[in-house]
Amino acid sequence: YRNQQLQMAQDVFLNHDKIVAAVPELANMPQIDFTFLGVNLSQTPHFMFWKADDIGAAFGLWLIPVISAALGVVSMIVTKAVHMAQMMSIPVLGLIENYSYYQMTMFIMPLFSLWICFTLPAALGVYWIANSLFAMLQEVLNIPFLRSFLKKQEEAKVKRREEEKERVKREKQAQAEAKKKAAEEMRRIQM
């Protein structure tokens, strides 16, 4: 990025016909187009987009870090809600999150990503947007599987308790029978 390689790759894409006309051996060179929805993702977003020559493209670049940070917060909220529901269902695990740490992380990390997105090419922000969307989709789609897993785990726990009670009951019966036999033996010996 420091050597402007992304910008050079975009310039090669835009001027491919001129380059091939000048040097025909380069006709098979790879071409990479960094435009997405009319925005050049190889460019770095600026805080003051209204001072740019092309305000529409500059505004699109400006929106990428903002959307990325907002989706980062929403993604963390969704993840927290799913995990808290899981923790409420299984109090045996004893996993209690440190709420103040989580709250701080939930807002500091998106602010940090906002700053990073304004200092690096916009493609990174698009990547983080897609990552947040897929993470939220994954969390939401995993809820039915999580519920069925927790239900099976609870059923197995109840079954283990019942088996343990049954085992203890059999042991007590065996001990009672052993005492009864020992008492009968003592009576026979005494007789």
N, C-alpha and C. Protein backbone atom coordinates (compact mmCIF):
# COMPACT_ATOMS: atom_id res chain seq x y z
N TYR A 1 0.83 -1.19 0.00
CA TYR A 1 0.00 0.00 0.00
C TYR A 1 0.87 1.25 0.00
N ARG A 2 1.97 1.19 0.75
CA ARG A 2 2.86 2.35 0.83
C ARG A 2 3.47 2.69 -0.54
N ASN A 3 3.68 1.68 -1.37
CA ASN A 3 4.28 1.89 -2.69
C ASN A 3 3.24 2.17 -3.77
N GLN A 4 2.00 2.40 -3.39
CA GLN A 4 0.91 2.72 -4.30
C GLN A 4 0.65 1.62 -5.32
N GLN A 5 0.87 0.36 -4.91
CA GLN A 5 0.67 -0.75 -5.83
C GLN A 5 -0.79 -0.91 -6.22
N LEU A 6 -1.70 -0.66 -5.30
CA LEU A 6 -3.12 -0.76 -5.62
C LEU A 6 -3.51 0.28 -6.67
N GLN A 7 -3.01 1.49 -6.51
CA GLN A 7 -3.33 2.54 -7.48
C GLN A 7 -2.72 2.22 -8.84
N MET A 8 -1.50 1.66 -8.83
CA MET A 8 -0.88 1.28 -10.11
C MET A 8 -1.68 0.17 -10.79
N ALA A 9 -2.17 -0.80 -10.02
CA ALA A 9 -2.98 -1.88 -10.58
C ALA A 9 -4.28 -1.32 -11.17
N GLN A 10 -4.88 -0.35 -10.50
CA GLN A 10 -6.10 0.28 -11.01
C GLN A 10 -5.80 1.07 -12.29
N ASP A 11 -4.67 1.76 -12.31
CA ASP A 11 -4.28 2.51 -13.52
C ASP A 11 -4.03 1.57 -14.70
N VAL A 12 -3.42 0.40 -14.42
CA VAL A 12 -3.20 -0.59 -15.48
C VAL A 12 -4.54 -1.06 -16.02
N PHE A 13 -5.51 -1.28 -15.15
CA PHE A 13 -6.83 -1.71 -15.60
C PHE A 13 -7.49 -0.63 -16.46
N LEU A 14 -7.42 0.60 -16.02
CA LEU A 14 -8.08 1.69 -16.75
C LEU A 14 -7.40 1.99 -18.08
N ASN A 15 -6.10 1.76 -18.17
CA ASN A 15 -5.34 2.10 -19.39
C ASN A 15 -4.85 0.85 -20.11
N HIS A 16 -5.54 -0.25 -19.98
CA HIS A 16 -5.09 -1.51 -20.57
C HIS A 16 -4.92 -1.41 -22.08
N ASP A 17 -5.85 -0.77 -22.78
CA ASP A 17 -5.77 -0.66 -24.24
C ASP A 17 -4.52 0.11 -24.66
N LYS A 18 -4.22 1.21 -23.98
CA LYS A 18 -3.03 2.01 -24.32
C LYS A 18 -1.75 1.23 -24.05
N ILE A 19 -1.72 0.48 -22.94
CA ILE A 19 -0.51 -0.29 -22.60
C ILE A 19 -0.28 -1.39 -23.62
N VAL A 20 -1.34 -2.11 -24.02
CA VAL A 20 -1.21 -3.18 -25.00
C VAL A 20 -0.83 -2.62 -26.36
N ALA A 21 -1.35 -1.45 -26.71
CA ALA A 21 -0.99 -0.82 -27.98
C ALA A 21 0.49 -0.46 -27.99
N ALA A 22 1.01 -0.02 -26.85
CA ALA A 22 2.43 0.36 -26.77
C ALA A 22 3.33 -0.86 -26.67
N VAL A 23 2.93 -1.85 -25.89
CA VAL A 23 3.73 -3.06 -25.68
C VAL A 23 2.81 -4.27 -25.86
N PRO A 24 2.73 -4.83 -27.08
CA PRO A 24 1.80 -5.94 -27.35
C PRO A 24 2.07 -7.20 -26.54
N GLU A 25 3.31 -7.41 -26.05
CA GLU A 25 3.62 -8.59 -25.26
C GLU A 25 2.85 -8.61 -23.93
N LEU A 26 2.34 -7.47 -23.50
CA LEU A 26 1.63 -7.38 -22.22
C LEU A 26 0.12 -7.62 -22.36
N ALA A 27 -0.29 -8.16 -23.49
CA ALA A 27 -1.73 -8.38 -23.73
C ALA A 27 -2.32 -9.38 -22.73
N ASN A 28 -1.52 -10.32 -22.24
CA ASN A 28 -2.02 -11.34 -21.31
C ASN A 28 -1.79 -10.99 -19.85
N MET A 29 -1.39 -9.75 -19.58
CA MET A 29 -1.14 -9.37 -18.17
C MET A 29 -2.45 -9.36 -17.39
N PRO A 30 -2.38 -9.69 -16.11
CA PRO A 30 -3.61 -9.71 -15.30
C PRO A 30 -4.18 -8.31 -15.12
N GLN A 31 -5.51 -8.27 -15.10
CA GLN A 31 -6.20 -7.00 -14.89
C GLN A 31 -7.06 -7.12 -13.64
N ILE A 32 -6.96 -6.14 -12.80
CA ILE A 32 -7.76 -6.14 -11.58
C ILE A 32 -8.53 -4.83 -11.52
N ASP A 33 -9.84 -4.96 -11.43
CA ASP A 33 -10.69 -3.78 -11.30
C ASP A 33 -11.09 -3.64 -9.84
N PHE A 34 -10.75 -2.53 -9.23
CA PHE A 34 -11.05 -2.31 -7.82
C PHE A 34 -12.32 -1.50 -7.61
N THR A 35 -13.11 -1.31 -8.64
CA THR A 35 -14.35 -0.55 -8.45
C THR A 35 -15.46 -1.49 -7.98
N PHE A 36 -16.24 -0.99 -7.04
CA PHE A 36 -17.36 -1.73 -6.48
C PHE A 36 -18.47 -0.73 -6.23
N LEU A 37 -19.60 -0.92 -6.91
CA LEU A 37 -20.73 0.00 -6.81
C LEU A 37 -20.31 1.44 -7.12
N GLY A 38 -19.44 1.59 -8.09
CA GLY A 38 -19.00 2.92 -8.50
C GLY A 38 -17.95 3.56 -7.63
N VAL A 39 -17.41 2.81 -6.68
CA VAL A 39 -16.41 3.33 -5.76
C VAL A 39 -15.10 2.58 -5.98
N ASN A 40 -14.00 3.31 -6.09
CA ASN A 40 -12.70 2.69 -6.26
C ASN A 40 -12.19 2.27 -4.89
N LEU A 41 -12.15 0.97 -4.64
CA LEU A 41 -11.78 0.44 -3.33
C LEU A 41 -10.28 0.52 -3.05
N SER A 42 -9.51 0.92 -4.05
CA SER A 42 -8.07 1.07 -3.80
C SER A 42 -7.77 2.44 -3.18
N GLN A 43 -8.76 3.32 -3.15
CA GLN A 43 -8.55 4.65 -2.57
C GLN A 43 -8.84 4.62 -1.07
N THR A 44 -8.26 5.59 -0.39
CA THR A 44 -8.44 5.72 1.05
C THR A 44 -9.56 6.73 1.33
N PRO A 45 -10.52 6.38 2.18
CA PRO A 45 -11.58 7.34 2.52
C PRO A 45 -11.02 8.54 3.28
N HIS A 46 -11.69 9.67 3.14
CA HIS A 46 -11.29 10.89 3.85
C HIS A 46 -12.44 11.35 4.75
N PHE A 47 -12.08 11.93 5.89
CA PHE A 47 -13.10 12.43 6.80
C PHE A 47 -13.93 13.54 6.15
N MET A 48 -13.29 14.43 5.45
CA MET A 48 -13.98 15.57 4.84
C MET A 48 -14.24 15.29 3.36
N PHE A 49 -15.21 14.43 3.10
CA PHE A 49 -15.50 14.00 1.74
C PHE A 49 -16.04 15.14 0.88
N TRP A 50 -16.63 16.15 1.49
CA TRP A 50 -17.24 17.25 0.74
C TRP A 50 -16.20 18.13 0.06
N LYS A 51 -14.93 17.99 0.41
CA LYS A 51 -13.87 18.78 -0.23
C LYS A 51 -13.29 18.08 -1.46
N ALA A 52 -13.77 16.88 -1.77
CA ALA A 52 -13.24 16.11 -2.90
C ALA A 52 -13.82 16.62 -4.21
N ASP A 53 -13.15 16.28 -5.31
CA ASP A 53 -13.63 16.67 -6.64
C ASP A 53 -14.91 15.92 -7.00
N ASP A 54 -14.92 14.63 -6.77
CA ASP A 54 -16.09 13.81 -7.03
C ASP A 54 -16.75 13.48 -5.69
N ILE A 55 -17.73 14.29 -5.30
CA ILE A 55 -18.35 14.16 -3.98
C ILE A 55 -19.10 12.83 -3.83
N GLY A 56 -19.73 12.36 -4.88
CA GLY A 56 -20.47 11.10 -4.81
C GLY A 56 -19.56 9.93 -4.47
N ALA A 57 -18.45 9.80 -5.20
CA ALA A 57 -17.51 8.71 -4.92
C ALA A 57 -16.86 8.89 -3.56
N ALA A 58 -16.54 10.13 -3.21
CA ALA A 58 -15.91 10.40 -1.91
C ALA A 58 -16.89 10.07 -0.77
N PHE A 59 -18.18 10.37 -0.97
CA PHE A 59 -19.17 10.03 0.04
C PHE A 59 -19.31 8.51 0.18
N GLY A 60 -19.29 7.81 -0.97
CA GLY A 60 -19.33 6.35 -0.93
C GLY A 60 -18.14 5.78 -0.17
N LEU A 61 -16.96 6.34 -0.40
CA LEU A 61 -15.77 5.91 0.34
C LEU A 61 -15.92 6.21 1.83
N TRP A 62 -16.49 7.36 2.15
CA TRP A 62 -16.68 7.76 3.54
C TRP A 62 -17.67 6.83 4.26
N LEU A 63 -18.69 6.38 3.53
CA LEU A 63 -19.70 5.51 4.14
C LEU A 63 -19.14 4.14 4.53
N ILE A 64 -18.15 3.66 3.80
CA ILE A 64 -17.63 2.31 4.06
C ILE A 64 -17.11 2.17 5.49
N PRO A 65 -16.23 3.05 5.99
CA PRO A 65 -15.78 2.90 7.38
C PRO A 65 -16.91 3.08 8.40
N VAL A 66 -17.83 3.98 8.12
CA VAL A 66 -18.93 4.23 9.05
C VAL A 66 -19.84 2.99 9.14
N ILE A 67 -20.17 2.41 7.99
CA ILE A 67 -21.01 1.21 7.98
C ILE A 67 -20.26 0.05 8.64
N SER A 68 -18.96 -0.04 8.37
CA SER A 68 -18.15 -1.09 8.97
C SER A 68 -18.17 -1.01 10.49
N ALA A 69 -18.00 0.18 11.04
CA ALA A 69 -18.00 0.35 12.49
C ALA A 69 -19.39 0.07 13.08
N ALA A 70 -20.44 0.56 12.40
CA ALA A 70 -21.81 0.34 12.89
C ALA A 70 -22.15 -1.16 12.88
N LEU A 71 -21.80 -1.84 11.82
CA LEU A 71 -22.07 -3.28 11.76
C LEU A 71 -21.22 -4.05 12.76
N GLY A 72 -20.04 -3.54 13.08
CA GLY A 72 -19.22 -4.16 14.12
C GLY A 72 -19.94 -4.13 15.46
N VAL A 73 -20.55 -3.00 15.79
CA VAL A 73 -21.31 -2.89 17.04
C VAL A 73 -22.52 -3.82 17.02
N VAL A 74 -23.27 -3.80 15.91
CA VAL A 74 -24.47 -4.64 15.81
C VAL A 74 -24.09 -6.12 15.89
N SER A 75 -23.01 -6.48 15.21
CA SER A 75 -22.55 -7.87 15.24
C SER A 75 -22.19 -8.30 16.66
N MET A 76 -21.53 -7.44 17.41
CA MET A 76 -21.18 -7.77 18.79
C MET A 76 -22.42 -7.90 19.66
N ILE A 77 -23.42 -7.04 19.42
CA ILE A 77 -24.67 -7.11 20.19
C ILE A 77 -25.39 -8.43 19.91
N VAL A 78 -25.47 -8.82 18.63
CA VAL A 78 -26.13 -10.08 18.27
C VAL A 78 -25.38 -11.26 18.89
N THR A 79 -24.07 -11.24 18.78
CA THR A 79 -23.27 -12.32 19.34
C THR A 79 -23.45 -12.40 20.85
N LYS A 80 -23.45 -11.25 21.51
CA LYS A 80 -23.63 -11.23 22.96
C LYS A 80 -25.00 -11.77 23.34
N ALA A 81 -26.04 -11.40 22.60
CA ALA A 81 -27.39 -11.87 22.90
C ALA A 81 -27.48 -13.39 22.77
N VAL A 82 -26.88 -13.93 21.72
CA VAL A 82 -26.92 -15.38 21.53
C VAL A 82 -26.14 -16.08 22.63
N HIS A 83 -24.97 -15.56 22.96
CA HIS A 83 -24.15 -16.20 23.99
C HIS A 83 -24.77 -16.06 25.38
N MET A 84 -25.40 -14.94 25.66
CA MET A 84 -26.05 -14.78 26.96
C MET A 84 -27.24 -15.73 27.07
N ALA A 85 -27.96 -15.93 25.98
CA ALA A 85 -29.06 -16.90 26.00
C ALA A 85 -28.52 -18.30 26.26
N GLN A 86 -27.38 -18.58 25.69
CA GLN A 86 -26.75 -19.89 25.92
C GLN A 86 -26.35 -20.02 27.38
N MET A 87 -25.76 -18.96 27.95
CA MET A 87 -25.31 -19.02 29.33
C MET A 87 -26.49 -19.16 30.29
N MET A 88 -27.62 -18.53 29.97
CA MET A 88 -28.79 -18.63 30.82
C MET A 88 -29.35 -20.05 30.80
N SER A 89 -29.18 -20.73 29.67
CA SER A 89 -29.69 -22.09 29.55
C SER A 89 -28.82 -23.09 30.28
N ILE A 90 -27.52 -22.78 30.42
CA ILE A 90 -26.59 -23.71 31.06
C ILE A 90 -25.89 -23.00 32.21
N PRO A 91 -26.54 -22.86 33.35
CA PRO A 91 -25.86 -22.22 34.47
C PRO A 91 -24.76 -23.09 35.06
N VAL A 92 -24.74 -24.37 34.73
CA VAL A 92 -23.76 -25.29 35.29
C VAL A 92 -22.35 -24.92 34.84
N LEU A 93 -22.24 -24.36 33.65
CA LEU A 93 -20.91 -24.04 33.13
C LEU A 93 -20.19 -23.02 33.99
N GLY A 94 -20.93 -22.13 34.61
CA GLY A 94 -20.31 -21.14 35.48
C GLY A 94 -19.54 -20.08 34.70
N LEU A 95 -19.86 -19.91 33.44
CA LEU A 95 -19.16 -18.92 32.64
C LEU A 95 -19.91 -17.60 32.72
N ILE A 96 -19.39 -16.67 33.46
CA ILE A 96 -20.03 -15.36 33.59
C ILE A 96 -19.09 -14.34 32.97
N GLU A 97 -19.61 -13.63 31.99
CA GLU A 97 -18.77 -12.64 31.31
C GLU A 97 -18.60 -11.40 32.17
N ASN A 98 -17.46 -10.82 32.05
CA ASN A 98 -17.19 -9.56 32.74
C ASN A 98 -17.88 -8.47 31.93
N TYR A 99 -18.99 -7.97 32.44
CA TYR A 99 -19.85 -7.07 31.68
C TYR A 99 -19.15 -5.77 31.29
N SER A 100 -18.40 -5.16 32.21
CA SER A 100 -17.76 -3.88 31.90
C SER A 100 -16.69 -4.06 30.83
N TYR A 101 -15.97 -5.17 30.87
CA TYR A 101 -14.96 -5.44 29.84
C TYR A 101 -15.64 -5.61 28.49
N TYR A 102 -16.75 -6.33 28.46
CA TYR A 102 -17.46 -6.57 27.21
C TYR A 102 -18.03 -5.27 26.65
N GLN A 103 -18.59 -4.43 27.53
CA GLN A 103 -19.12 -3.15 27.09
C GLN A 103 -18.02 -2.28 26.49
N MET A 104 -16.87 -2.24 27.16
CA MET A 104 -15.76 -1.44 26.66
C MET A 104 -15.30 -1.97 25.30
N THR A 105 -15.15 -3.27 25.19
CA THR A 105 -14.70 -3.88 23.93
C THR A 105 -15.72 -3.63 22.83
N MET A 106 -17.00 -3.68 23.19
CA MET A 106 -18.05 -3.53 22.20
C MET A 106 -18.02 -2.15 21.52
N PHE A 107 -17.51 -1.14 22.20
CA PHE A 107 -17.47 0.18 21.59
C PHE A 107 -16.07 0.62 21.18
N ILE A 108 -15.04 0.13 21.85
CA ILE A 108 -13.67 0.51 21.50
C ILE A 108 -13.25 -0.14 20.19
N MET A 109 -13.56 -1.42 20.01
CA MET A 109 -13.12 -2.12 18.80
C MET A 109 -13.71 -1.51 17.53
N PRO A 110 -15.00 -1.20 17.47
CA PRO A 110 -15.52 -0.54 16.26
C PRO A 110 -14.91 0.85 16.04
N LEU A 111 -14.63 1.58 17.11
CA LEU A 111 -13.96 2.88 16.93
C LEU A 111 -12.55 2.70 16.37
N PHE A 112 -11.88 1.68 16.86
CA PHE A 112 -10.55 1.36 16.35
C PHE A 112 -10.62 0.96 14.88
N SER A 113 -11.62 0.14 14.52
CA SER A 113 -11.77 -0.26 13.12
C SER A 113 -12.16 0.93 12.25
N LEU A 114 -12.93 1.87 12.80
CA LEU A 114 -13.27 3.09 12.07
C LEU A 114 -12.01 3.87 11.72
N TRP A 115 -11.13 4.01 12.69
CA TRP A 115 -9.87 4.73 12.45
C TRP A 115 -9.02 4.00 11.41
N ILE A 116 -8.93 2.68 11.54
CA ILE A 116 -8.13 1.91 10.58
C ILE A 116 -8.72 2.03 9.18
N CYS A 117 -10.04 1.97 9.07
CA CYS A 117 -10.68 2.07 7.74
C CYS A 117 -10.46 3.44 7.10
N PHE A 118 -10.27 4.48 7.90
CA PHE A 118 -10.00 5.79 7.32
C PHE A 118 -8.53 5.98 6.98
N THR A 119 -7.67 5.04 7.37
CA THR A 119 -6.24 5.18 7.06
C THR A 119 -5.76 4.18 6.01
N LEU A 120 -6.56 3.17 5.69
CA LEU A 120 -6.19 2.16 4.70
C LEU A 120 -7.19 2.16 3.55
N PRO A 121 -6.89 1.46 2.46
CA PRO A 121 -7.84 1.43 1.33
C PRO A 121 -9.22 0.93 1.75
N ALA A 122 -10.20 1.40 1.03
CA ALA A 122 -11.60 1.10 1.35
C ALA A 122 -11.92 -0.39 1.25
N ALA A 123 -11.13 -1.15 0.53
CA ALA A 123 -11.38 -2.59 0.39
C ALA A 123 -11.39 -3.28 1.75
N LEU A 124 -10.56 -2.82 2.68
CA LEU A 124 -10.53 -3.41 4.02
C LEU A 124 -11.88 -3.20 4.72
N GLY A 125 -12.45 -2.03 4.59
CA GLY A 125 -13.76 -1.76 5.18
C GLY A 125 -14.84 -2.64 4.58
N VAL A 126 -14.78 -2.86 3.27
CA VAL A 126 -15.77 -3.74 2.62
C VAL A 126 -15.61 -5.16 3.15
N TYR A 127 -14.37 -5.58 3.34
CA TYR A 127 -14.12 -6.90 3.91
C TYR A 127 -14.72 -7.01 5.31
N TRP A 128 -14.51 -5.99 6.14
CA TRP A 128 -15.05 -6.02 7.50
C TRP A 128 -16.58 -5.96 7.51
N ILE A 129 -17.16 -5.24 6.56
CA ILE A 129 -18.63 -5.21 6.45
C ILE A 129 -19.15 -6.61 6.14
N ALA A 130 -18.53 -7.25 5.14
CA ALA A 130 -18.95 -8.61 4.78
C ALA A 130 -18.74 -9.57 5.95
N ASN A 131 -17.63 -9.42 6.65
CA ASN A 131 -17.34 -10.28 7.79
C ASN A 131 -18.39 -10.12 8.88
N SER A 132 -18.77 -8.89 9.18
CA SER A 132 -19.80 -8.65 10.20
C SER A 132 -21.14 -9.23 9.79
N LEU A 133 -21.51 -9.05 8.52
CA LEU A 133 -22.78 -9.58 8.03
C LEU A 133 -22.80 -11.11 8.12
N PHE A 134 -21.72 -11.74 7.69
CA PHE A 134 -21.67 -13.20 7.75
C PHE A 134 -21.64 -13.70 9.18
N ALA A 135 -20.97 -12.98 10.07
CA ALA A 135 -20.93 -13.38 11.49
C ALA A 135 -22.33 -13.32 12.10
N MET A 136 -23.06 -12.24 11.81
CA MET A 136 -24.43 -12.13 12.33
C MET A 136 -25.32 -13.21 11.75
N LEU A 137 -25.20 -13.45 10.45
CA LEU A 137 -26.01 -14.49 9.81
C LEU A 137 -25.69 -15.85 10.42
N GLN A 138 -24.43 -16.11 10.65
CA GLN A 138 -24.02 -17.38 11.26
C GLN A 138 -24.60 -17.52 12.66
N GLU A 139 -24.54 -16.48 13.46
CA GLU A 139 -25.10 -16.54 14.81
C GLU A 139 -26.60 -16.81 14.78
N VAL A 140 -27.30 -16.11 13.91
CA VAL A 140 -28.76 -16.26 13.84
C VAL A 140 -29.13 -17.65 13.32
N LEU A 141 -28.40 -18.14 12.32
CA LEU A 141 -28.71 -19.46 11.77
C LEU A 141 -28.34 -20.59 12.73
N ASN A 142 -27.42 -20.34 13.63
CA ASN A 142 -27.00 -21.37 14.57
C ASN A 142 -27.92 -21.49 15.79
N ILE A 143 -28.85 -20.56 15.96
CA ILE A 143 -29.74 -20.59 17.12
C ILE A 143 -30.53 -21.90 17.21
N PRO A 144 -31.18 -22.37 16.12
CA PRO A 144 -31.91 -23.65 16.25
C PRO A 144 -31.00 -24.82 16.61
N PHE A 145 -29.81 -24.85 16.04
CA PHE A 145 -28.88 -25.93 16.35
C PHE A 145 -28.42 -25.84 17.80
N LEU A 146 -28.20 -24.62 18.26
CA LEU A 146 -27.80 -24.41 19.64
C LEU A 146 -28.90 -24.86 20.59
N ARG A 147 -30.13 -24.51 20.27
CA ARG A 147 -31.26 -24.91 21.13
C ARG A 147 -31.38 -26.43 21.18
N SER A 148 -31.28 -27.09 20.03
CA SER A 148 -31.40 -28.55 20.03
C SER A 148 -30.23 -29.19 20.77
N PHE A 149 -29.03 -28.61 20.63
CA PHE A 149 -27.87 -29.12 21.36
C PHE A 149 -28.07 -28.98 22.86
N LEU A 150 -28.55 -27.81 23.28
CA LEU A 150 -28.78 -27.58 24.71
C LEU A 150 -29.87 -28.51 25.25
N LYS A 151 -30.91 -28.75 24.44
CA LYS A 151 -31.99 -29.65 24.87
C LYS A 151 -31.45 -31.06 25.03
N LYS A 152 -30.64 -31.52 24.06
CA LYS A 152 -30.05 -32.87 24.17
C LYS A 152 -29.12 -32.95 25.37
N GLN A 153 -28.38 -31.89 25.60
CA GLN A 153 -27.46 -31.88 26.74
C GLN A 153 -28.24 -31.94 28.06
N GLU A 154 -29.32 -31.22 28.15
CA GLU A 154 -30.16 -31.24 29.36
C GLU A 154 -30.79 -32.61 29.55
N GLU A 155 -31.27 -33.22 28.44
CA GLU A 155 -31.86 -34.56 28.54
C GLU A 155 -30.82 -35.58 29.00
N ALA A 156 -29.61 -35.47 28.47
CA ALA A 156 -28.53 -36.38 28.88
C ALA A 156 -28.20 -36.19 30.35
N LYS A 157 -28.23 -34.95 30.81
CA LYS A 157 -27.96 -34.64 32.22
C LYS A 157 -29.03 -35.27 33.11
N VAL A 158 -30.29 -35.13 32.73
CA VAL A 158 -31.40 -35.72 33.50
C VAL A 158 -31.27 -37.24 33.50
N LYS A 159 -30.92 -37.81 32.35
CA LYS A 159 -30.76 -39.26 32.25
C LYS A 159 -29.63 -39.74 33.16
N ARG A 160 -28.51 -39.00 33.18
CA ARG A 160 -27.39 -39.37 34.05
C ARG A 160 -27.80 -39.30 35.52
N ARG A 161 -28.59 -38.29 35.90
CA ARG A 161 -29.07 -38.18 37.28
C ARG A 161 -29.94 -39.37 37.65
N GLU A 162 -30.86 -39.74 36.73
CA GLU A 162 -31.74 -40.88 36.99
C GLU A 162 -30.93 -42.17 37.10
N GLU A 163 -29.94 -42.34 36.22
CA GLU A 163 -29.10 -43.54 36.28
C GLU A 163 -28.31 -43.57 37.58
N GLU A 164 -27.83 -42.41 38.01
CA GLU A 164 -27.08 -42.35 39.27
C GLU A 164 -27.99 -42.70 40.44
N LYS A 165 -29.23 -42.18 40.44
CA LYS A 165 -30.18 -42.52 41.50
C LYS A 165 -30.47 -44.01 41.51
N GLU A 166 -30.66 -44.57 40.31
CA GLU A 166 -30.93 -46.00 40.19
C GLU A 166 -29.75 -46.82 40.69
N ARG A 167 -28.53 -46.40 40.36
CA ARG A 167 -27.33 -47.10 40.81
C ARG A 167 -27.22 -47.06 42.33
N VAL A 168 -27.46 -45.89 42.92
CA VAL A 168 -27.40 -45.74 44.37
C VAL A 168 -28.47 -46.63 45.02
N LYS A 169 -29.65 -46.68 44.42
CA LYS A 169 -30.74 -47.50 44.94
C LYS A 169 -30.35 -48.98 44.91
N ARG A 170 -29.75 -49.43 43.79
CA ARG A 170 -29.32 -50.83 43.68
C ARG A 170 -28.23 -51.14 44.70
N GLU A 171 -27.30 -50.18 44.88
CA GLU A 171 -26.25 -50.40 45.88
C GLU A 171 -26.83 -50.54 47.27
N LYS A 172 -27.80 -49.68 47.61
CA LYS A 172 -28.45 -49.77 48.93
C LYS A 172 -29.18 -51.10 49.09
N GLN A 173 -29.86 -51.54 48.03
CA GLN A 173 -30.55 -52.82 48.09
C GLN A 173 -29.55 -53.96 48.27
N ALA A 174 -28.44 -53.87 47.53
CA ALA A 174 -27.41 -54.91 47.66
C ALA A 174 -26.82 -54.92 49.07
N GLN A 175 -26.58 -53.73 49.63
CA GLN A 175 -26.07 -53.65 50.99
C GLN A 175 -27.09 -54.21 51.99
N ALA A 176 -28.36 -53.87 51.79
CA ALA A 176 -29.41 -54.37 52.68
C ALA A 176 -29.50 -55.89 52.60
N GLU A 177 -29.42 -56.43 51.37
CA GLU A 177 -29.46 -57.88 51.21
C GLU A 177 -28.23 -58.52 51.84
N ALA A 178 -27.07 -57.89 51.68
CA ALA A 178 -25.84 -58.42 52.28
C ALA A 178 -25.97 -58.41 53.80
N LYS A 179 -26.53 -57.38 54.37
CA LYS A 179 -26.73 -57.32 55.83
C LYS A 179 -27.72 -58.40 56.27
N LYS A 180 -28.78 -58.57 55.46
CA LYS A 180 -29.80 -59.55 55.79
C LYS A 180 -29.19 -60.96 55.75
N LYS A 181 -28.36 -61.24 54.73
CA LYS A 181 -27.70 -62.54 54.63
C LYS A 181 -26.72 -62.73 55.78
N ALA A 182 -26.00 -61.66 56.10
CA ALA A 182 -25.05 -61.75 57.22
C ALA A 182 -25.80 -62.02 58.52
N ALA A 183 -26.96 -61.39 58.70
CA ALA A 183 -27.76 -61.62 59.92
C ALA A 183 -28.28 -63.06 59.96
N GLU A 184 -28.71 -63.58 58.82
CA GLU A 184 -29.20 -64.97 58.75
C GLU A 184 -28.04 -65.96 59.05
N GLU A 185 -26.87 -65.66 58.53
CA GLU A 185 -25.68 -66.49 58.80
C GLU A 185 -25.40 -66.51 60.29
N MET A 186 -25.46 -65.34 60.90
CA MET A 186 -25.20 -65.24 62.35
C MET A 186 -26.25 -66.06 63.11
N ARG A 187 -27.51 -66.02 62.72
CA ARG A 187 -28.55 -66.80 63.39
C ARG A 187 -28.30 -68.28 63.23
N ARG A 188 -27.87 -68.70 62.04
CA ARG A 188 -27.58 -70.12 61.82
C ARG A 188 -26.42 -70.56 62.68
N ILE A 189 -25.41 -69.71 62.72
CA ILE A 189 -24.23 -70.04 63.54
C ILE A 189 -24.65 -70.13 65.00
N GLN A 190 -25.44 -69.19 65.45
CA GLN A 190 -25.89 -69.19 66.84
C GLN A 190 -26.79 -70.37 67.13
N MET A 191 -27.55 -70.84 66.19
CA MET A 191 -28.44 -71.98 66.44
C MET A 191 -27.62 -73.22 66.49
